[in-house]
Structure formats: structure tokens, C-alpha cells
PDB file of N, CA and C in Angstrom:
ATOM      1  N   UNK A   1      30.638  98.785  89.923  1.00  0.00           N
ATOM      2  CA  UNK A   1      31.158  97.879  91.080  1.00  0.00           C
ATOM      3  C   UNK A   1      30.389  96.610  91.270  1.00  0.00           C
ATOM      4  N   UNK A   2      29.056  96.749  91.042  1.00  0.00           N
ATOM      5  CA  UNK A   2      28.095  95.572  91.235  1.00  0.00           C
ATOM      6  C   UNK A   2      28.423  94.654  90.202  1.00  0.00           C
ATOM      7  N   UNK A   3      28.729  95.107  88.989  1.00  0.00           N
ATOM      8  CA  UNK A   3      29.054  94.207  87.880  1.00  0.00           C
ATOM      9  C   UNK A   3      30.423  93.382  88.277  1.00  0.00           C
ATOM     10  N   UNK A   4      31.417  94.153  88.755  1.00  0.00           N
ATOM     11  CA  UNK A   4      32.662  93.384  89.020  1.00  0.00           C
ATOM     12  C   UNK A   4      32.391  92.515  90.072  1.00  0.00           C
ATOM     13  N   UNK A   5      31.562  92.730  91.203  1.00  0.00           N
ATOM     14  CA  UNK A   5      31.340  91.750  92.300  1.00  0.00           C
ATOM     15  C   UNK A   5      30.431  90.575  91.717  1.00  0.00           C
ATOM     16  N   UNK A   6      29.570  90.839  90.775  1.00  0.00           N
ATOM     17  CA  UNK A   6      28.801  89.630  90.138  1.00  0.00           C
ATOM     18  C   UNK A   6      29.737  88.854  89.414  1.00  0.00           C
ATOM     19  N   UNK A   7      30.622  89.466  88.612  1.00  0.00           N
ATOM     20  CA  UNK A   7      31.629  88.594  87.889  1.00  0.00           C
ATOM     21  C   UNK A   7      32.514  87.814  88.680  1.00  0.00           C
ATOM     22  N   UNK A   8      32.995  88.361  89.732  1.00  0.00           N
ATOM     23  CA  UNK A   8      33.858  87.719  90.859  1.00  0.00           C
ATOM     24  C   UNK A   8      33.113  86.525  91.373  1.00  0.00           C
ATOM     25  N   UNK A   9      31.879  86.774  91.724  1.00  0.00           N
ATOM     26  CA  UNK A   9      31.091  85.695  92.228  1.00  0.00           C
ATOM     27  C   UNK A   9      30.981  84.480  91.306  1.00  0.00           C
ATOM     28  N   UNK A  10      30.739  84.808  90.026  1.00  0.00           N
ATOM     29  CA  UNK A  10      30.525  83.726  89.068  1.00  0.00           C
ATOM     30  C   UNK A  10      31.881  82.907  88.791  1.00  0.00           C
ATOM     31  N   UNK A  11      32.985  83.797  88.823  1.00  0.00           N
ATOM     32  CA  UNK A  11      34.244  83.205  88.625  1.00  0.00           C
ATOM     33  C   UNK A  11      34.613  82.221  89.878  1.00  0.00           C
ATOM     34  N   UNK A  12      34.459  82.728  90.989  1.00  0.00           N
ATOM     35  CA  UNK A  12      34.609  81.947  92.239  1.00  0.00           C
ATOM     36  C   UNK A  12      33.759  80.616  92.335  1.00  0.00           C
ATOM     37  N   UNK A  13      32.456  80.852  91.900  1.00  0.00           N
ATOM     38  CA  UNK A  13      31.644  79.652  91.841  1.00  0.00           C
ATOM     39  C   UNK A  13      32.106  78.512  90.793  1.00  0.00           C
ATOM     40  N   UNK A  14      32.502  78.997  89.730  1.00  0.00           N
ATOM     41  CA  UNK A  14      33.139  78.176  88.601  1.00  0.00           C
ATOM     42  C   UNK A  14      34.366  77.493  89.044  1.00  0.00           C
ATOM     43  N   UNK A  15      35.152  78.282  89.790  1.00  0.00           N
ATOM     44  CA  UNK A  15      36.411  77.628  90.182  1.00  0.00           C
ATOM     45  C   UNK A  15      36.339  76.859  91.525  1.00  0.00           C
ATOM     46  N   UNK A  16      35.224  76.832  92.182  1.00  0.00           N
ATOM     47  CA  UNK A  16      35.068  76.296  93.323  1.00  0.00           C
ATOM     48  C   UNK A  16      35.969  76.846  94.427  1.00  0.00           C
ATOM     49  N   UNK A  17      36.076  78.019  94.522  1.00  0.00           N
ATOM     50  CA  UNK A  17      36.950  78.768  95.447  1.00  0.00           C
ATOM     51  C   UNK A  17      36.868  78.292  96.809  1.00  0.00           C
ATOM     52  N   UNK A  18      35.727  78.330  97.405  1.00  0.00           N
ATOM     53  CA  UNK A  18      35.497  77.868  98.825  1.00  0.00           C
ATOM     54  C   UNK A  18      36.154  76.578  99.150  1.00  0.00           C
ATOM     55  N   UNK A  19      35.924  75.608  98.314  1.00  0.00           N
ATOM     56  CA  UNK A  19      36.442  74.295  98.446  1.00  0.00           C
ATOM     57  C   UNK A  19      37.973  74.311  98.506  1.00  0.00           C
ATOM     58  N   UNK A  20      38.628  75.145  97.559  1.00  0.00           N
ATOM     59  CA  UNK A  20      40.080  75.161  97.314  1.00  0.00           C
ATOM     60  C   UNK A  20      40.534  75.908  98.533  1.00  0.00           C
ATOM     61  N   UNK A  21      39.916  76.971  99.092  1.00  0.00           N
ATOM     62  CA  UNK A  21      40.357  77.707 100.110  1.00  0.00           C
ATOM     63  C   UNK A  21      40.377  76.755 101.441  1.00  0.00           C
ATOM     64  N   UNK A  22      39.348  75.949 101.584  1.00  0.00           N
ATOM     65  CA  UNK A  22      39.230  75.062 102.630  1.00  0.00           C
ATOM     66  C   UNK A  22      40.408  74.174 102.677  1.00  0.00           C
ATOM     67  N   UNK A  23      40.641  73.594 101.421  1.00  0.00           N
ATOM     68  CA  UNK A  23      41.877  72.646 101.416  1.00  0.00           C
ATOM     69  C   UNK A  23      43.264  73.307 101.733  1.00  0.00           C
ATOM     70  N   UNK A  24      43.405  74.531 101.365  1.00  0.00           N
ATOM     71  CA  UNK A  24      44.534  75.333 101.656  1.00  0.00           C
ATOM     72  C   UNK A  24      44.718  75.717 103.045  1.00  0.00           C
ATOM     73  N   UNK A  25      43.540  75.895 103.764  1.00  0.00           N
ATOM     74  CA  UNK A  25      43.565  76.466 105.175  1.00  0.00           C
ATOM     75  C   UNK A  25      43.212  75.317 106.219  1.00  0.00           C
ATOM     76  N   UNK A  26      42.935  74.195 105.818  1.00  0.00           N
ATOM     77  CA  UNK A  26      42.574  73.094 106.602  1.00  0.00           C
ATOM     78  C   UNK A  26      43.453  72.958 107.806  1.00  0.00           C
ATOM     79  N   UNK A  27      44.843  73.076 107.583  1.00  0.00           N
ATOM     80  CA  UNK A  27      45.694  72.886 108.590  1.00  0.00           C
ATOM     81  C   UNK A  27      45.827  74.025 109.654  1.00  0.00           C
ATOM     82  N   UNK A  28      45.255  75.050 109.153  1.00  0.00           N
ATOM     83  CA  UNK A  28      45.223  76.388 110.114  1.00  0.00           C
ATOM     84  C   UNK A  28      44.091  76.589 110.803  1.00  0.00           C
ATOM     85  N   UNK A  29      43.179  75.524 110.971  1.00  0.00           N
ATOM     86  CA  UNK A  29      41.837  75.693 111.782  1.00  0.00           C
ATOM     87  C   UNK A  29      42.042  76.147 113.141  1.00  0.00           C
ATOM     88  N   UNK A  30      43.064  75.802 113.841  1.00  0.00           N
ATOM     89  CA  UNK A  30      43.372  76.268 115.145  1.00  0.00           C
ATOM     90  C   UNK A  30      43.529  77.858 115.161  1.00  0.00           C
ATOM     91  N   UNK A  31      43.797  78.407 114.198  1.00  0.00           N
ATOM     92  CA  UNK A  31      43.956  79.922 114.008  1.00  0.00           C
ATOM     93  C   UNK A  31      42.577  80.548 113.597  1.00  0.00           C
ATOM     94  N   UNK A  32      41.687  79.701 113.396  1.00  0.00           N
ATOM     95  CA  UNK A  32      40.293  80.193 113.016  1.00  0.00           C
ATOM     96  C   UNK A  32      40.365  81.035 111.726  1.00  0.00           C
ATOM     97  N   UNK A  33      41.191  80.509 110.754  1.00  0.00           N
ATOM     98  CA  UNK A  33      41.357  81.307 109.523  1.00  0.00           C
ATOM     99  C   UNK A  33      40.104  81.448 108.643  1.00  0.00           C
ATOM    100  N   UNK A  34      39.192  80.503 108.957  1.00  0.00           N
ATOM    101  CA  UNK A  34      37.875  80.569 108.103  1.00  0.00           C
ATOM    102  C   UNK A  34      37.135  81.646 108.587  1.00  0.00           C
ATOM    103  N   UNK A  35      37.417  82.322 109.547  1.00  0.00           N
ATOM    104  CA  UNK A  35      36.758  83.639 110.039  1.00  0.00           C
ATOM    105  C   UNK A  35      37.257  84.822 109.472  1.00  0.00           C
ATOM    106  N   UNK A  36      38.195  84.754 108.717  1.00  0.00           N
ATOM    107  CA  UNK A  36      38.791  85.880 108.104  1.00  0.00           C
ATOM    108  C   UNK A  36      37.903  86.618 107.016  1.00  0.00           C
ATOM    109  N   UNK A  37      37.138  85.961 106.097  1.00  0.00           N
ATOM    110  CA  UNK A  37      36.312  86.531 105.141  1.00  0.00           C
ATOM    111  C   UNK A  37      35.184  87.445 105.852  1.00  0.00           C
ATOM    112  N   UNK A  38      34.519  87.063 106.908  1.00  0.00           N
ATOM    113  CA  UNK A  38      33.598  87.962 107.447  1.00  0.00           C
ATOM    114  C   UNK A  38      34.225  89.165 108.105  1.00  0.00           C
ATOM    115  N   UNK A  39      35.360  88.939 108.722  1.00  0.00           N
ATOM    116  CA  UNK A  39      36.014  90.143 109.339  1.00  0.00           C
ATOM    117  C   UNK A  39      36.519  91.013 108.257  1.00  0.00           C
ATOM    118  N   UNK A  40      36.895  90.562 107.103  1.00  0.00           N
ATOM    119  CA  UNK A  40      37.312  91.404 106.032  1.00  0.00           C
ATOM    120  C   UNK A  40      36.087  92.075 105.402  1.00  0.00           C
ATOM    121  N   UNK A  41      34.954  91.533 105.402  1.00  0.00           N
ATOM    122  CA  UNK A  41      33.757  92.100 105.060  1.00  0.00           C
ATOM    123  C   UNK A  41      33.320  93.362 105.886  1.00  0.00           C
ATOM    124  N   UNK A  42      33.419  93.120 107.137  1.00  0.00           N
ATOM    125  CA  UNK A  42      33.226  94.199 108.090  1.00  0.00           C
ATOM    126  C   UNK A  42      34.179  95.309 107.998  1.00  0.00           C
ATOM    127  N   UNK A  43      35.479  95.072 107.800  1.00  0.00           N
ATOM    128  CA  UNK A  43      36.461  96.033 107.547  1.00  0.00           C
ATOM    129  C   UNK A  43      36.241  96.844 106.240  1.00  0.00           C
ATOM    130  N   UNK A  44      35.804  96.201 105.102  1.00  0.00           N
ATOM    131  CA  UNK A  44      35.237  96.859 103.887  1.00  0.00           C
ATOM    132  C   UNK A  44      34.223  97.811 104.157  1.00  0.00           C
ATOM    133  N   UNK A  45      33.173  97.315 104.867  1.00  0.00           N
ATOM    134  CA  UNK A  45      32.066  98.191 105.189  1.00  0.00           C
ATOM    135  C   UNK A  45      32.564  99.364 105.866  1.00  0.00           C
ATOM    136  N   UNK A  46      33.289  99.260 106.847  1.00  0.00           N
ATOM    137  CA  UNK A  46      33.740 100.362 107.754  1.00  0.00           C
ATOM    138  C   UNK A  46      34.646 101.338 106.821  1.00  0.00           C
ATOM    139  N   UNK A  47      35.514 100.850 105.911  1.00  0.00           N
ATOM    140  CA  UNK A  47      36.183 101.721 104.923  1.00  0.00           C
ATOM    141  C   UNK A  47      35.220 102.467 104.011  1.00  0.00           C
ATOM    142  N   UNK A  48      34.187 101.786 103.643  1.00  0.00           N
ATOM    143  CA  UNK A  48      33.193 102.355 102.732  1.00  0.00           C
ATOM    144  C   UNK A  48      32.459 103.527 103.340  1.00  0.00           C
ATOM    145  N   UNK A  49      32.148 103.201 104.610  1.00  0.00           N
ATOM    146  CA  UNK A  49      31.481 104.208 105.432  1.00  0.00           C
ATOM    147  C   UNK A  49      32.384 105.352 105.509  1.00  0.00           C
ATOM    148  N   UNK A  50      33.541 105.139 106.082  1.00  0.00           N
ATOM    149  CA  UNK A  50      34.563 106.281 106.203  1.00  0.00           C
ATOM    150  C   UNK A  50      34.768 106.997 104.981  1.00  0.00           C
ATOM    151  N   UNK A  51      34.796 106.453 103.778  1.00  0.00           N
ATOM    152  CA  UNK A  51      35.198 107.182 102.506  1.00  0.00           C
ATOM    153  C   UNK A  51      33.782 107.968 102.250  1.00  0.00           C
ATOM    154  N   UNK A  52      32.743 107.335 102.348  1.00  0.00           N
ATOM    155  CA  UNK A  52      31.499 108.222 102.162  1.00  0.00           C
ATOM    156  C   UNK A  52      31.418 109.328 103.061  1.00  0.00           C
ATOM    157  N   UNK A  53      31.715 109.329 104.313  1.00  0.00           N
ATOM    158  CA  UNK A  53      31.658 110.369 105.305  1.00  0.00           C
ATOM    159  C   UNK A  53      32.686 111.480 104.830  1.00  0.00           C
ATOM    160  N   UNK A  54      33.949 111.048 104.458  1.00  0.00           N
ATOM    161  CA  UNK A  54      35.004 112.044 104.070  1.00  0.00           C
ATOM    162  C   UNK A  54      34.522 112.724 102.679  1.00  0.00           C
ATOM    163  N   UNK A  55      33.774 112.078 101.838  1.00  0.00           N
ATOM    164  CA  UNK A  55      33.352 112.620 100.600  1.00  0.00           C
ATOM    165  C   UNK A  55      32.198 113.714 100.866  1.00  0.00           C
ATOM    166  N   UNK A  56      31.464 113.286 101.757  1.00  0.00           N
ATOM    167  CA  UNK A  56      30.473 114.334 102.251  1.00  0.00           C
ATOM    168  C   UNK A  56      30.959 115.605 102.894  1.00  0.00           C
ATOM    169  N   UNK A  57      32.158 115.380 103.752  1.00  0.00           N
ATOM    170  CA  UNK A  57      32.637 116.572 104.187  1.00  0.00           C
ATOM    171  C   UNK A  57      33.573 117.399 103.219  1.00  0.00           C
ATOM    172  N   UNK A  58      34.045 116.642 102.274  1.00  0.00           N
ATOM    173  CA  UNK A  58      34.761 117.349 101.239  1.00  0.00           C
ATOM    174  C   UNK A  58      33.710 118.205 100.362  1.00  0.00           C
ATOM    175  N   UNK A  59      32.575 117.622 100.046  1.00  0.00           N
ATOM    176  CA  UNK A  59      31.626 118.346  99.358  1.00  0.00           C
ATOM    177  C   UNK A  59      31.115 119.649 100.126  1.00  0.00           C
ATOM    178  N   UNK A  60      30.896 119.477 101.396  1.00  0.00           N
ATOM    179  CA  UNK A  60      30.532 120.606 102.233  1.00  0.00           C
ATOM    180  C   UNK A  60      31.525 121.721 102.179  1.00  0.00           C
ATOM    181  N   UNK A  61      32.756 121.277 102.427  1.00  0.00           N
ATOM    182  CA  UNK A  61      33.995 122.311 102.395  1.00  0.00           C
ATOM    183  C   UNK A  61      34.063 122.938 100.939  1.00  0.00           C
ATOM    184  N   UNK A  62      33.795 122.285  99.958  1.00  0.00           N
ATOM    185  CA  UNK A  62      33.884 122.758  98.567  1.00  0.00           C
ATOM    186  C   UNK A  62      32.814 123.842  98.381  1.00  0.00           C
ATOM    187  N   UNK A  63      31.629 123.578  98.785  1.00  0.00           N
ATOM    188  CA  UNK A  63      30.360 124.443  98.845  1.00  0.00           C
ATOM    189  C   UNK A  63      30.728 125.666  99.629  1.00  0.00           C
ATOM    190  N   UNK A  64      31.278 125.452 100.940  1.00  0.00           N
ATOM    191  CA  UNK A  64      31.607 126.638 101.745  1.00  0.00           C
ATOM    192  C   UNK A  64      32.526 127.563 101.136  1.00  0.00           C
ATOM    193  N   UNK A  65      33.680 126.961 100.548  1.00  0.00           N
ATOM    194  CA  UNK A  65      34.714 127.790  99.876  1.00  0.00           C
ATOM    195  C   UNK A  65      34.187 128.537  98.763  1.00  0.00           C
ATOM    196  N   UNK A  66      33.261 127.881  97.808  1.00  0.00           N
ATOM    197  CA  UNK A  66      32.570 128.666  96.757  1.00  0.00           C
ATOM    198  C   UNK A  66      31.825 129.808  97.196  1.00  0.00           C
ATOM    199  N   UNK A  67      31.116 129.636  98.334  1.00  0.00           N
ATOM    200  CA  UNK A  67      30.345 130.732  98.841  1.00  0.00           C
ATOM    201  C   UNK A  67      31.245 131.951  99.192  1.00  0.00           C
ATOM    202  N   UNK A  68      32.417 131.521  99.894  1.00  0.00           N
ATOM    203  CA  UNK A  68      33.364 132.517 100.416  1.00  0.00           C
ATOM    204  C   UNK A  68      34.032 133.194  99.263  1.00  0.00           C
ATOM    205  N   UNK A  69      34.287 132.543  98.181  1.00  0.00           N
ATOM    206  CA  UNK A  69      35.028 133.026  97.133  1.00  0.00           C
ATOM    207  C   UNK A  69      34.194 133.874  96.133  1.00  0.00           C
ATOM    208  N   UNK A  70      32.850 133.957  96.350  1.00  0.00           N
ATOM    209  CA  UNK A  70      31.936 134.700  95.513  1.00  0.00           C
ATOM    210  C   UNK A  70      32.163 136.192  95.631  1.00  0.00           C
ATOM    211  N   UNK A  71      32.353 136.962  94.571  1.00  0.00           N
ATOM    212  CA  UNK A  71      32.515 138.532  94.782  1.00  0.00           C
ATOM    213  C   UNK A  71      31.412 139.106  95.403  1.00  0.00           C
ATOM    214  N   UNK A  72      31.628 140.035  96.250  1.00  0.00           N
ATOM    215  CA  UNK A  72      30.545 140.694  96.946  1.00  0.00           C
ATOM    216  C   UNK A  72      29.630 141.374  95.925  1.00  0.00           C
ATOM    217  N   UNK A  73      28.265 141.263  96.193  1.00  0.00           N
ATOM    218  CA  UNK A  73      27.409 141.991  95.257  1.00  0.00           C
ATOM    219  C   UNK A  73      27.217 143.454  95.721  1.00  0.00           C
ATOM    220  N   UNK A  74      27.111 144.287  94.744  1.00  0.00           N
ATOM    221  CA  UNK A  74      27.058 145.625  94.957  1.00  0.00           C
ATOM    222  C   UNK A  74      25.534 146.163  94.845  1.00  0.00           C
ATOM    223  N   UNK A  75      25.069 146.651  95.822  1.00  0.00           N
ATOM    224  CA  UNK A  75      23.623 147.013  95.738  1.00  0.00           C
ATOM    225  C   UNK A  75      23.473 148.558  95.672  1.00  0.00           C
TER     226      UNK A  75
END
């Protein structure tokens, strides 16, 4: 994922993406369209946190089920 992010950063820098985005959205300044990237970043962080939490819950549930499914030991 880090490699993909780095490649995207290089591509956007080469294509001057920020300047192009500014030209495309210049007329929408009254809607504060330039604030969308930070908001999307926070959204991505929230989704990543939620996915990590759900993964942890799934791991705990799988471990609990493995313990319950073990055959009883005969002493």
C-alpha cells in the first residue's frame, strides 16, 4: 500500500494535479470544494480504524470458536 501511495504521489506531482484541480474547481470556491481532500483523508482514517477494529474482533471470535470446537480431553 505504501508503494502504491508513493507511486500515486509521484504521478500527481509529475502531472501537476493540484494546479489542474485548482483550475477545475476555481468556480466552485463558494462551496469550499478545496476542503474536500482533508475531509476525505479523515474519512479514510476512520474507515481504516473501523476495518482494523472489525479485524481484531473477527480474530477474537475465530480464536473463541477454535477453543469451543476442541474435543474434550479425557483424563
